[in-house]
Amino acid sequence: MNANQIIKILADGGFHSGQSLGCRLGVSRTAIWKHISRLEKLGLKVHSVKGRGYRLAASLELLSKPLIRADLTENAAKLFGSIDIRSEVISTNDEVRAKAKGSPPSPHVCLAEMQSSGRGRRGRSWVSPYAANIYLSLAWDFPEMTGALDGLSLCVGIAVADAIAKLGVSGVGLKWPNDLIYQRRKLAGILLELEGELSGPARVIIGIGVNVAMTKAEGADIDQDWVSLVDIADTKISRNALAAEILNQLAEVLPRFQEGGFVEFHKRWHDLDVLRGNSVMLSLANTQVKGWAKGVTDIGELVIENDTGIRTYRAGEVSLRVANDSGD
């Protein structure tokens, strides 16, 4: 027996006695108590009431492979034949990398309820509370590594933004090169990790994190303004439906990108770009650049104009912050 078995029973939000849990799982009440303590270490609040038993402070929607597969398009179902759902992992990117290692080209997919060491860009940690958000990674193989891969994170961002829009949430924009933003608060992020030689076949591990129902307490350690879908959606967003729609959109976007690069997505990015026309600041390794964001190039480079002229910057080399009106 593991903690995930108890979570599946308690996910309905109702009370379950220690005796009934023990009978269903074939263990003692003492063993149940020990596993309840494990749930609290996972960050799940458990109410214990004498005479009634245990229940979670709030009901949970756990990830379900059958529910996700039921919402996949025919194209996505064929493309993503390998979908893994894990309770707790170090990171979904690591899980996908390990599974895809040495295997023939195949877009392996991994989702997890929780990451103990989720990663964001530039070595940042990705806060990953249990059953609160989407943590999804997949491996995608390219015939050869080229500069055209610069626009890949932008195309993945478009796919995720369109998936969220399909579920009825409007107003989500994209911040170059890998963030989804709602009213200047971060809603989702993308991490690409590239494996391959300077020339030849390349494998990209695509990591996607979307805040779905994360509470303020769960996100207390995040060092920037953020928002969850539960805060902005008119109706409850199903994590399973969102995961399926993200895969549906990726099934359309990734082959098109592989075939023609970023250029055919340029207009869609333009429509979602939250920085274009704004005063911005780029933080490079040894300096900072201030100027006005002028969109992106046909391969996904950021365009900035200032007193020195117009320059372009490639994804992966810079971080970006919106400058205040005073230019400080």
Protein backbone atom coordinates (compact mmCIF):
# COMPACT_ATOMS: atom_id res chain seq x y z
CA MET A 1 0.00 0.00 0.00
CA ASN A 2 1.15 3.54 -0.68
CA ALA A 3 -0.10 7.00 0.17
CA ASN A 4 -1.55 7.46 -3.31
CA GLN A 5 -4.08 4.67 -2.67
CA ILE A 6 -5.46 6.56 0.34
CA ILE A 7 -5.48 9.82 -1.60
CA LYS A 8 -7.65 8.25 -4.31
CA ILE A 9 -10.23 7.29 -1.68
CA LEU A 10 -10.12 10.63 0.15
CA ALA A 11 -10.18 12.65 -3.07
CA ASP A 12 -13.99 12.83 -2.92
CA GLY A 13 -13.74 15.20 0.07
CA GLY A 14 -15.92 13.01 2.30
CA PHE A 15 -15.16 11.38 5.66
CA HIS A 16 -13.73 7.85 5.72
CA SER A 17 -13.09 6.03 8.98
CA GLY A 18 -9.76 4.45 9.75
CA GLN A 19 -11.50 1.09 9.95
CA SER A 20 -13.14 1.41 6.54
CA LEU A 21 -9.88 2.58 4.98
CA GLY A 22 -8.04 -0.33 6.57
CA CYS A 23 -10.62 -2.84 5.30
CA ARG A 24 -10.52 -1.45 1.74
CA LEU A 25 -6.74 -1.41 1.62
CA GLY A 26 -6.07 -4.54 3.65
CA VAL A 27 -3.98 -2.91 6.38
CA SER A 28 -4.30 -1.98 10.04
CA ARG A 29 -5.70 1.29 11.39
CA THR A 30 -2.18 2.06 12.65
CA ALA A 31 -0.84 1.74 9.11
CA ILE A 32 -3.60 4.07 7.90
CA TRP A 33 -2.61 6.65 10.53
CA LYS A 34 1.03 6.50 9.38
CA HIS A 35 0.02 7.07 5.79
CA ILE A 36 -2.25 9.96 6.79
CA SER A 37 0.85 11.57 8.31
CA ARG A 38 2.57 11.06 4.95
CA LEU A 39 -0.22 13.00 3.22
CA GLU A 40 0.41 15.97 5.49
CA LYS A 41 4.08 15.87 4.50
CA LEU A 42 2.94 16.10 0.88
CA GLY A 43 1.21 19.36 1.80
CA LEU A 44 -2.32 17.96 1.86
CA LYS A 45 -4.48 19.16 4.75
CA VAL A 46 -6.32 16.26 6.42
CA HIS A 47 -9.14 16.77 8.91
CA SER A 48 -9.48 14.08 11.58
CA VAL A 49 -12.75 13.93 13.53
CA LYS A 50 -13.35 11.35 16.24
CA GLY A 51 -16.18 9.05 15.31
CA ARG A 52 -16.18 10.15 11.65
CA GLY A 53 -12.66 9.51 10.43
CA TYR A 54 -10.48 11.38 7.97
CA ARG A 55 -11.19 13.69 5.08
CA LEU A 56 -9.19 16.09 2.94
CA ALA A 57 -9.78 19.78 3.57
CA ALA A 58 -10.89 20.04 -0.07
CA SER A 59 -11.78 17.50 -2.73
CA LEU A 60 -9.12 16.73 -5.32
CA GLU A 61 -9.25 15.97 -9.01
CA LEU A 62 -6.49 13.43 -9.55
CA LEU A 63 -4.96 12.94 -12.96
CA SER A 64 -6.48 10.05 -14.89
CA LYS A 65 -5.05 8.49 -18.03
CA PRO A 66 -8.49 7.23 -19.21
CA LEU A 67 -10.04 10.69 -18.76
CA ILE A 68 -7.16 12.38 -20.58
CA ARG A 69 -7.22 9.87 -23.43
CA ALA A 70 -11.00 10.26 -23.76
CA ASP A 71 -10.52 13.97 -24.59
CA LEU A 72 -7.66 13.54 -27.07
CA THR A 73 -8.20 14.17 -30.75
CA GLU A 74 -7.51 11.29 -33.11
CA ASN A 75 -4.28 12.98 -34.14
CA ALA A 76 -3.08 13.48 -30.56
CA ALA A 77 -4.04 9.94 -29.53
CA LYS A 78 -1.89 8.52 -32.33
CA LEU A 79 1.02 10.85 -31.71
CA PHE A 80 1.13 10.53 -27.92
CA GLY A 81 0.80 6.78 -27.53
CA SER A 82 2.97 6.74 -24.41
CA ILE A 83 1.48 8.72 -21.51
CA ASP A 84 2.80 8.16 -17.99
CA ILE A 85 1.06 9.53 -14.88
CA ARG A 86 3.08 9.53 -11.68
CA SER A 87 2.16 10.49 -8.13
CA GLU A 88 5.46 12.12 -7.14
CA VAL A 89 8.64 12.62 -9.15
CA ILE A 90 11.81 14.66 -8.81
CA SER A 91 10.86 16.38 -12.08
CA THR A 92 8.77 15.37 -15.07
CA ASN A 93 11.59 16.44 -17.39
CA ASP A 94 13.92 13.98 -15.67
CA GLU A 95 11.33 11.20 -15.92
CA VAL A 96 10.84 11.76 -19.65
CA ARG A 97 14.59 11.97 -20.27
CA ALA A 98 15.17 8.65 -18.51
CA LYS A 99 12.35 6.89 -20.34
CA ALA A 100 13.31 8.25 -23.76
CA LYS A 101 17.04 7.52 -23.36
CA GLY A 102 18.22 5.04 -25.94
CA SER A 103 14.76 4.59 -27.41
CA PRO A 104 13.74 5.29 -31.02
CA PRO A 105 12.09 8.65 -31.74
CA SER A 106 8.83 8.80 -29.81
CA PRO A 107 7.07 11.70 -28.08
CA HIS A 108 6.94 10.20 -24.57
CA VAL A 109 4.67 12.15 -22.20
CA CYS A 110 4.84 12.29 -18.40
CA LEU A 111 2.45 14.03 -16.00
CA ALA A 112 2.83 14.10 -12.24
CA GLU A 113 0.72 15.11 -9.27
CA MET A 114 3.80 16.60 -7.57
CA GLN A 115 7.45 17.42 -8.26
CA SER A 116 9.92 17.43 -5.39
CA SER A 117 12.50 19.42 -7.41
CA GLY A 118 10.70 20.95 -10.37
CA ARG A 119 12.82 23.29 -12.49
CA GLY A 120 12.23 26.59 -14.25
CA ARG A 121 14.55 28.56 -16.51
CA ARG A 122 18.03 29.64 -15.42
CA GLY A 123 18.18 27.17 -12.54
CA ARG A 124 15.10 28.45 -10.72
CA SER A 125 12.91 26.02 -8.80
CA TRP A 126 9.31 25.40 -9.89
CA VAL A 127 6.90 25.22 -6.97
CA SER A 128 4.86 22.04 -7.47
CA PRO A 129 2.22 21.32 -4.78
CA TYR A 130 0.33 18.03 -4.90
CA ALA A 131 -2.63 17.78 -7.30
CA ALA A 132 -2.85 21.57 -7.65
CA ASN A 133 -1.41 22.27 -11.10
CA ILE A 134 -0.30 20.75 -14.38
CA TYR A 135 3.28 19.40 -14.53
CA LEU A 136 3.74 17.91 -17.98
CA SER A 137 6.82 16.97 -19.98
CA LEU A 138 7.39 15.28 -23.30
CA ALA A 139 10.32 14.33 -25.52
CA TRP A 140 10.33 15.44 -29.14
CA ASP A 141 12.96 14.42 -31.68
CA PHE A 142 14.22 16.62 -34.50
CA PRO A 143 16.23 15.27 -37.48
CA GLU A 144 18.94 17.85 -36.83
CA MET A 145 19.70 20.72 -34.47
CA THR A 146 19.39 24.11 -36.17
CA GLY A 147 19.04 27.76 -35.22
CA ALA A 148 15.35 27.40 -36.11
CA LEU A 149 14.83 25.72 -32.73
CA ASP A 150 15.01 29.20 -31.19
CA GLY A 151 11.31 29.67 -31.85
CA LEU A 152 10.22 26.36 -30.31
CA SER A 153 9.47 27.67 -26.81
CA LEU A 154 7.35 30.42 -28.37
CA CYS A 155 5.32 27.86 -30.33
CA VAL A 156 4.83 25.71 -27.22
CA GLY A 157 3.61 28.86 -25.45
CA ILE A 158 1.09 29.44 -28.22
CA ALA A 159 -0.14 25.84 -27.86
CA VAL A 160 -0.66 26.20 -24.11
CA ALA A 161 -2.34 29.60 -24.45
CA ASP A 162 -4.71 28.23 -27.10
CA ALA A 163 -5.48 25.21 -24.91
CA ILE A 164 -6.45 27.50 -22.03
CA ALA A 165 -8.58 29.62 -24.37
CA LYS A 166 -10.35 26.45 -25.62
CA LEU A 167 -11.48 25.84 -22.03
CA GLY A 168 -13.09 29.28 -21.88
CA VAL A 169 -10.43 31.42 -20.20
CA SER A 170 -9.71 34.67 -22.04
CA GLY A 171 -7.10 37.38 -21.55
CA VAL A 172 -4.01 35.15 -21.32
CA GLY A 173 -0.97 36.50 -23.16
CA LEU A 174 2.61 35.46 -23.87
CA LYS A 175 5.79 37.00 -22.53
CA TRP A 176 8.94 36.23 -24.48
CA PRO A 177 10.40 33.67 -24.41
CA ASN A 178 8.55 31.19 -22.21
CA ASP A 179 5.89 32.65 -19.87
CA LEU A 180 2.11 32.83 -20.02
CA ILE A 181 0.80 35.98 -18.35
CA TYR A 182 -2.55 37.18 -17.09
CA GLN A 183 -2.66 40.87 -16.17
CA ARG A 184 1.11 40.94 -15.47
CA ARG A 185 0.94 37.84 -13.26
CA LYS A 186 2.57 34.58 -14.27
CA LEU A 187 0.14 31.78 -15.05
CA ALA A 188 2.40 29.21 -16.71
CA GLY A 189 5.95 28.59 -17.82
CA ILE A 190 7.89 26.46 -20.29
CA LEU A 191 11.31 24.87 -19.92
CA LEU A 192 13.14 23.38 -22.91
CA GLU A 193 16.18 21.16 -22.37
CA LEU A 194 18.09 20.25 -25.51
CA GLU A 195 20.07 17.06 -26.05
CA GLY A 196 22.15 16.42 -29.16
CA GLU A 197 25.30 17.27 -31.06
CA LEU A 198 26.08 20.60 -32.70
CA SER A 199 24.91 19.00 -35.92
CA GLY A 200 22.74 15.95 -36.35
CA PRO A 201 19.66 14.60 -34.56
CA ALA A 202 18.42 16.49 -31.51
CA ARG A 203 15.98 15.60 -28.75
CA VAL A 204 14.15 18.36 -26.89
CA ILE A 205 12.60 17.74 -23.49
CA ILE A 206 9.63 20.11 -23.28
CA GLY A 207 8.45 20.92 -19.76
CA ILE A 208 5.17 22.75 -19.13
CA GLY A 209 3.85 24.01 -15.80
CA VAL A 210 0.41 25.62 -15.47
CA ASN A 211 -1.03 27.03 -12.24
CA VAL A 212 -4.52 25.58 -11.99
CA ALA A 213 -5.71 25.63 -8.39
CA MET A 214 -2.64 26.56 -6.33
CA THR A 215 -3.46 28.43 -3.13
CA LYS A 216 -1.62 31.46 -1.79
CA ALA A 217 -0.15 29.33 0.98
CA GLU A 218 1.13 26.72 -1.50
CA GLY A 219 2.70 29.42 -3.68
CA ALA A 220 4.15 31.48 -0.83
CA ASP A 221 7.75 30.78 -1.90
CA ILE A 222 7.30 32.07 -5.45
CA ASP A 223 9.34 35.27 -5.87
CA GLN A 224 7.13 36.96 -8.50
CA ASP A 225 3.49 37.84 -8.99
CA TRP A 226 1.51 34.78 -10.06
CA VAL A 227 -2.07 33.67 -10.61
CA SER A 228 -3.96 30.38 -10.94
CA LEU A 229 -6.73 29.49 -13.37
CA VAL A 230 -9.11 29.07 -10.44
CA ASP A 231 -8.70 32.81 -9.78
CA ILE A 232 -9.61 33.93 -13.31
CA ALA A 233 -11.90 31.28 -14.82
CA ASP A 234 -15.68 31.63 -14.73
CA THR A 235 -16.07 27.87 -14.22
CA LYS A 236 -13.95 25.16 -12.64
CA ILE A 237 -11.12 24.02 -14.89
CA SER A 238 -10.55 20.27 -14.99
CA ARG A 239 -6.87 19.36 -14.83
CA ASN A 240 -7.55 16.27 -16.95
CA ALA A 241 -9.38 18.31 -19.59
CA LEU A 242 -6.58 20.89 -19.62
CA ALA A 243 -3.86 18.25 -19.92
CA ALA A 244 -5.72 16.67 -22.84
CA GLU A 245 -6.23 20.01 -24.60
CA ILE A 246 -2.56 20.93 -24.20
CA LEU A 247 -1.64 17.63 -25.89
CA ASN A 248 -4.23 18.27 -28.61
CA GLN A 249 -2.69 21.67 -29.37
CA LEU A 250 0.88 20.33 -29.24
CA ALA A 251 -0.12 17.58 -31.67
CA GLU A 252 -0.93 20.33 -34.18
CA VAL A 253 1.85 22.78 -33.35
CA LEU A 254 4.93 20.56 -33.04
CA PRO A 255 4.72 18.86 -36.47
CA ARG A 256 4.02 22.21 -38.13
CA PHE A 257 6.99 23.78 -36.37
CA GLN A 258 9.21 20.87 -37.35
CA GLU A 259 8.14 21.28 -40.96
CA GLY A 260 8.21 25.07 -41.34
CA GLY A 261 9.75 26.65 -38.25
CA PHE A 262 8.39 29.61 -36.30
CA VAL A 263 7.55 31.84 -39.25
CA GLU A 264 4.00 30.50 -39.75
CA PHE A 265 3.26 31.14 -36.06
CA HIS A 266 4.57 34.70 -36.17
CA LYS A 267 1.17 36.34 -36.54
CA ARG A 268 -0.38 34.30 -33.70
CA TRP A 269 2.50 35.28 -31.40
CA HIS A 270 2.00 38.92 -32.41
CA ASP A 271 -1.64 38.68 -31.28
CA LEU A 272 -0.68 37.28 -27.85
CA ASP A 273 2.50 39.30 -27.22
CA VAL A 274 2.11 41.23 -23.92
CA LEU A 275 5.43 43.07 -24.29
CA ARG A 276 5.18 44.55 -27.76
CA GLY A 277 5.19 48.34 -27.57
CA ASN A 278 6.20 48.41 -23.89
CA SER A 279 9.33 49.71 -22.21
CA VAL A 280 11.41 46.69 -21.23
CA MET A 281 14.69 45.73 -19.61
CA LEU A 282 16.79 42.76 -20.69
CA SER A 283 19.21 41.32 -18.14
CA LEU A 284 22.19 39.78 -19.90
CA ALA A 285 25.10 37.95 -18.28
CA ASN A 286 27.15 41.11 -17.68
CA THR A 287 24.91 44.01 -18.58
CA GLN A 288 21.36 45.26 -18.93
CA VAL A 289 19.59 46.61 -21.98
CA LYS A 290 16.70 49.07 -21.80
CA GLY A 291 14.45 49.87 -24.71
CA TRP A 292 11.11 49.27 -26.36
CA ALA A 293 9.90 45.79 -27.28
CA LYS A 294 9.10 45.61 -30.99
CA GLY A 295 7.89 42.05 -31.27
CA VAL A 296 9.90 39.08 -32.49
CA THR A 297 11.63 38.05 -35.70
CA ASP A 298 10.59 35.21 -38.00
CA ILE A 299 12.77 32.80 -36.02
CA GLY A 300 11.58 33.97 -32.60
CA GLU A 301 14.26 36.46 -31.58
CA LEU A 302 13.17 39.39 -29.41
CA VAL A 303 13.46 42.81 -31.08
CA ILE A 304 14.40 45.80 -28.92
CA GLU A 305 14.75 49.40 -30.05
CA ASN A 306 16.60 52.11 -28.06
CA ASP A 307 18.91 55.07 -28.62
CA THR A 308 21.59 52.78 -30.06
CA GLY A 309 19.28 51.33 -32.69
CA ILE A 310 17.44 48.06 -33.16
CA ARG A 311 18.88 44.75 -32.00
CA THR A 312 17.62 41.18 -31.73
CA TYR A 313 18.15 38.72 -28.89
CA ARG A 314 17.90 34.94 -28.89
CA ALA A 315 15.94 32.85 -26.41
CA GLY A 316 18.02 31.22 -23.73
CA GLU A 317 20.56 34.06 -23.47
CA VAL A 318 18.56 36.62 -21.56
CA SER A 319 15.96 37.19 -18.90
CA LEU A 320 13.32 39.83 -19.33
CA ARG A 321 11.63 42.27 -16.96
CA VAL A 322 9.15 44.99 -17.74
CA ALA A 323 10.68 48.37 -16.91
CA ASN A 324 8.59 50.92 -14.98
CA ASP A 325 7.38 54.11 -16.56
CA SER A 326 10.22 56.18 -15.09
CA GLY A 327 12.80 53.99 -16.75
CA ASP A 328 14.42 53.06 -13.43
